[in-house]
Amino acid sequence: MTMTAAVPGCPVDESFDPLSPEFLADPHAAFTEPDRFDLHRPDADRHLAFGQGLHYCLGANLGKLEAQIAIAELARRYPDLALVPDQEFTFHANISFRGPQVLLVRVN
């Protein structure tokens, strides 16, 4: 289905894709280099992955624990695991889950 839309102050044409990474990029992002994965980011606790306030996810603590265990076990089993350099990332066209379609890693 195609329809014409007008967004004040924003030119829209047939190529407009509201789920594209360019559209979702926030020039006023909360983090410097928001597309870079950084476990040691000093303000990492400012993310909104589990919601906030009344809408905070009831399973957040379990999700955080599962991620902590999974990452620790992955690092234990593969201490030389590293991202393949110079890879181009393509992302799922889904605003609820913005993750790469493929993430290449190598084990030395």
C-alpha atoms as a PDB file:
ATOM      1  CA  MET A   1       0.000   0.000   0.000  1.00  0.00           C
ATOM      2  CA  THR A   2       1.349   3.424  -0.930  1.00  0.00           C
ATOM      3  CA  MET A   3       0.116   6.749   0.319  1.00  0.00           C
ATOM      4  CA  THR A   4       1.196  10.356   0.179  1.00  0.00           C
ATOM      5  CA  ALA A   5       2.241  11.939   3.436  1.00  0.00           C
ATOM      6  CA  ALA A   6       3.444  15.346   4.519  1.00  0.00           C
ATOM      7  CA  VAL A   7       5.864  15.780   7.393  1.00  0.00           C
ATOM      8  CA  PRO A   8       6.288  19.467   8.316  1.00  0.00           C
ATOM      9  CA  GLY A   9       9.878  20.584   7.828  1.00  0.00           C
ATOM     10  CA  CYS A  10      10.947  17.226   6.385  1.00  0.00           C
ATOM     11  CA  PRO A  11      10.934  16.471   2.664  1.00  0.00           C
ATOM     12  CA  VAL A  12       9.339  13.084   1.974  1.00  0.00           C
ATOM     13  CA  ASP A  13       9.389  11.205  -1.329  1.00  0.00           C
ATOM     14  CA  GLU A  14       8.939   7.618  -2.543  1.00  0.00           C
ATOM     15  CA  SER A  15      12.333   6.592  -1.138  1.00  0.00           C
ATOM     16  CA  PHE A  16      11.357   7.557   2.433  1.00  0.00           C
ATOM     17  CA  ASP A  17      11.755   4.566   4.778  1.00  0.00           C
ATOM     18  CA  PRO A  18      10.959   5.311   8.448  1.00  0.00           C
ATOM     19  CA  LEU A  19      12.750   2.114   9.510  1.00  0.00           C
ATOM     20  CA  SER A  20      16.038   2.890   7.774  1.00  0.00           C
ATOM     21  CA  PRO A  21      19.121   3.443   9.970  1.00  0.00           C
ATOM     22  CA  GLU A  22      19.474   6.935   8.491  1.00  0.00           C
ATOM     23  CA  PHE A  23      15.985   7.888   9.645  1.00  0.00           C
ATOM     24  CA  LEU A  24      16.446   6.295  13.074  1.00  0.00           C
ATOM     25  CA  ALA A  25      19.812   7.997  13.641  1.00  0.00           C
ATOM     26  CA  ASP A  26      19.461  10.671  16.298  1.00  0.00           C
ATOM     27  CA  PRO A  27      21.674  13.725  15.786  1.00  0.00           C
ATOM     28  CA  HIS A  28      21.098  14.520  19.468  1.00  0.00           C
ATOM     29  CA  ALA A  29      21.904  10.989  20.676  1.00  0.00           C
ATOM     30  CA  ALA A  30      22.477  10.454  24.373  1.00  0.00           C
ATOM     31  CA  PHE A  31      25.837   8.784  23.743  1.00  0.00           C
ATOM     32  CA  THR A  32      28.901   9.753  21.762  1.00  0.00           C
ATOM     33  CA  GLU A  33      29.403   7.175  19.010  1.00  0.00           C
ATOM     34  CA  PRO A  34      26.038   5.481  19.696  1.00  0.00           C
ATOM     35  CA  ASP A  35      26.603   2.845  16.977  1.00  0.00           C
ATOM     36  CA  ARG A  36      29.807   1.589  18.653  1.00  0.00           C
ATOM     37  CA  PHE A  37      29.508  -1.271  21.167  1.00  0.00           C
ATOM     38  CA  ASP A  38      31.440  -0.198  24.269  1.00  0.00           C
ATOM     39  CA  LEU A  39      31.250  -2.291  27.440  1.00  0.00           C
ATOM     40  CA  HIS A  40      33.173   0.388  29.336  1.00  0.00           C
ATOM     41  CA  ARG A  41      31.029   3.369  28.335  1.00  0.00           C
ATOM     42  CA  PRO A  42      30.922   5.522  31.502  1.00  0.00           C
ATOM     43  CA  ASP A  43      27.243   6.441  31.096  1.00  0.00           C
ATOM     44  CA  ALA A  44      25.955   3.061  29.860  1.00  0.00           C
ATOM     45  CA  ASP A  45      23.252   3.058  32.529  1.00  0.00           C
ATOM     46  CA  ARG A  46      21.401   5.839  30.658  1.00  0.00           C
ATOM     47  CA  HIS A  47      20.011   3.501  27.984  1.00  0.00           C
ATOM     48  CA  LEU A  48      16.266   2.830  27.631  1.00  0.00           C
ATOM     49  CA  ALA A  49      16.447  -0.818  26.574  1.00  0.00           C
ATOM     50  CA  PHE A  50      14.070  -1.957  29.324  1.00  0.00           C
ATOM     51  CA  GLY A  51      11.820   1.089  29.379  1.00  0.00           C
ATOM     52  CA  GLN A  52      11.491   3.554  32.198  1.00  0.00           C
ATOM     53  CA  GLY A  53       9.220   4.360  35.111  1.00  0.00           C
ATOM     54  CA  LEU A  54       5.760   2.797  34.982  1.00  0.00           C
ATOM     55  CA  HIS A  55       6.644   1.047  31.726  1.00  0.00           C
ATOM     56  CA  TYR A  56       9.811  -0.597  33.078  1.00  0.00           C
ATOM     57  CA  CYS A  57      10.078  -4.224  31.979  1.00  0.00           C
ATOM     58  CA  LEU A  58       9.194  -6.753  34.700  1.00  0.00           C
ATOM     59  CA  GLY A  59      11.739  -9.195  33.264  1.00  0.00           C
ATOM     60  CA  ALA A  60      14.586  -6.675  33.102  1.00  0.00           C
ATOM     61  CA  ASN A  61      16.593  -8.170  35.970  1.00  0.00           C
ATOM     62  CA  LEU A  62      16.309 -11.666  34.525  1.00  0.00           C
ATOM     63  CA  GLY A  63      17.285 -10.396  31.065  1.00  0.00           C
ATOM     64  CA  LYS A  64      20.316  -8.576  32.477  1.00  0.00           C
ATOM     65  CA  LEU A  65      21.386 -11.659  34.440  1.00  0.00           C
ATOM     66  CA  GLU A  66      21.006 -13.917  31.386  1.00  0.00           C
ATOM     67  CA  ALA A  67      23.064 -11.514  29.259  1.00  0.00           C
ATOM     68  CA  GLN A  68      25.755 -11.251  31.941  1.00  0.00           C
ATOM     69  CA  ILE A  69      26.042 -15.041  32.207  1.00  0.00           C
ATOM     70  CA  ALA A  70      26.021 -15.548  28.425  1.00  0.00           C
ATOM     71  CA  ILE A  71      28.706 -12.926  27.774  1.00  0.00           C
ATOM     72  CA  ALA A  72      30.902 -14.206  30.631  1.00  0.00           C
ATOM     73  CA  GLU A  73      30.619 -17.795  29.361  1.00  0.00           C
ATOM     74  CA  LEU A  74      31.330 -16.739  25.778  1.00  0.00           C
ATOM     75  CA  ALA A  75      34.446 -14.851  26.932  1.00  0.00           C
ATOM     76  CA  ARG A  76      35.545 -17.836  29.046  1.00  0.00           C
ATOM     77  CA  ARG A  77      35.157 -20.344  26.213  1.00  0.00           C
ATOM     78  CA  TYR A  78      36.607 -18.102  23.490  1.00  0.00           C
ATOM     79  CA  PRO A  79      39.102 -15.685  25.081  1.00  0.00           C
ATOM     80  CA  ASP A  80      40.421 -14.622  21.653  1.00  0.00           C
ATOM     81  CA  LEU A  81      36.984 -13.858  20.180  1.00  0.00           C
ATOM     82  CA  ALA A  82      37.039 -10.639  18.153  1.00  0.00           C
ATOM     83  CA  LEU A  83      34.902  -8.863  15.587  1.00  0.00           C
ATOM     84  CA  VAL A  84      35.984  -9.271  11.988  1.00  0.00           C
ATOM     85  CA  PRO A  85      37.407  -5.858  11.024  1.00  0.00           C
ATOM     86  CA  ASP A  86      35.968  -3.624   8.314  1.00  0.00           C
ATOM     87  CA  GLN A  87      32.619  -5.397   8.054  1.00  0.00           C
ATOM     88  CA  GLU A  88      29.566  -3.553   6.792  1.00  0.00           C
ATOM     89  CA  PHE A  89      26.535  -3.867   9.067  1.00  0.00           C
ATOM     90  CA  THR A  90      22.979  -4.219   7.814  1.00  0.00           C
ATOM     91  CA  PHE A  91      20.199  -3.954  10.356  1.00  0.00           C
ATOM     92  CA  HIS A  92      16.804  -5.562  10.771  1.00  0.00           C
ATOM     93  CA  ALA A  93      14.028  -3.243   9.602  1.00  0.00           C
ATOM     94  CA  ASN A  94      12.276  -3.357  12.955  1.00  0.00           C
ATOM     95  CA  ILE A  95      12.052  -0.471  15.405  1.00  0.00           C
ATOM     96  CA  SER A  96      11.438  -2.839  18.327  1.00  0.00           C
ATOM     97  CA  PHE A  97      14.692  -4.753  17.781  1.00  0.00           C
ATOM     98  CA  ARG A  98      17.500  -2.876  16.102  1.00  0.00           C
ATOM     99  CA  GLY A  99      20.210  -5.452  15.747  1.00  0.00           C
ATOM    100  CA  PRO A 100      22.591  -6.399  12.983  1.00  0.00           C
ATOM    101  CA  GLN A 101      21.414  -9.078  10.556  1.00  0.00           C
ATOM    102  CA  VAL A 102      24.913 -10.615  10.571  1.00  0.00           C
ATOM    103  CA  LEU A 103      27.750 -10.144  13.051  1.00  0.00           C
ATOM    104  CA  LEU A 104      31.000 -11.756  11.934  1.00  0.00           C
ATOM    105  CA  VAL A 105      33.481 -12.791  14.622  1.00  0.00           C
ATOM    106  CA  ARG A 106      36.727 -14.694  14.561  1.00  0.00           C
ATOM    107  CA  VAL A 107      38.528 -16.911  17.028  1.00  0.00           C
ATOM    108  CA  ASN A 108      42.319 -16.868  16.873  1.00  0.00           C
END
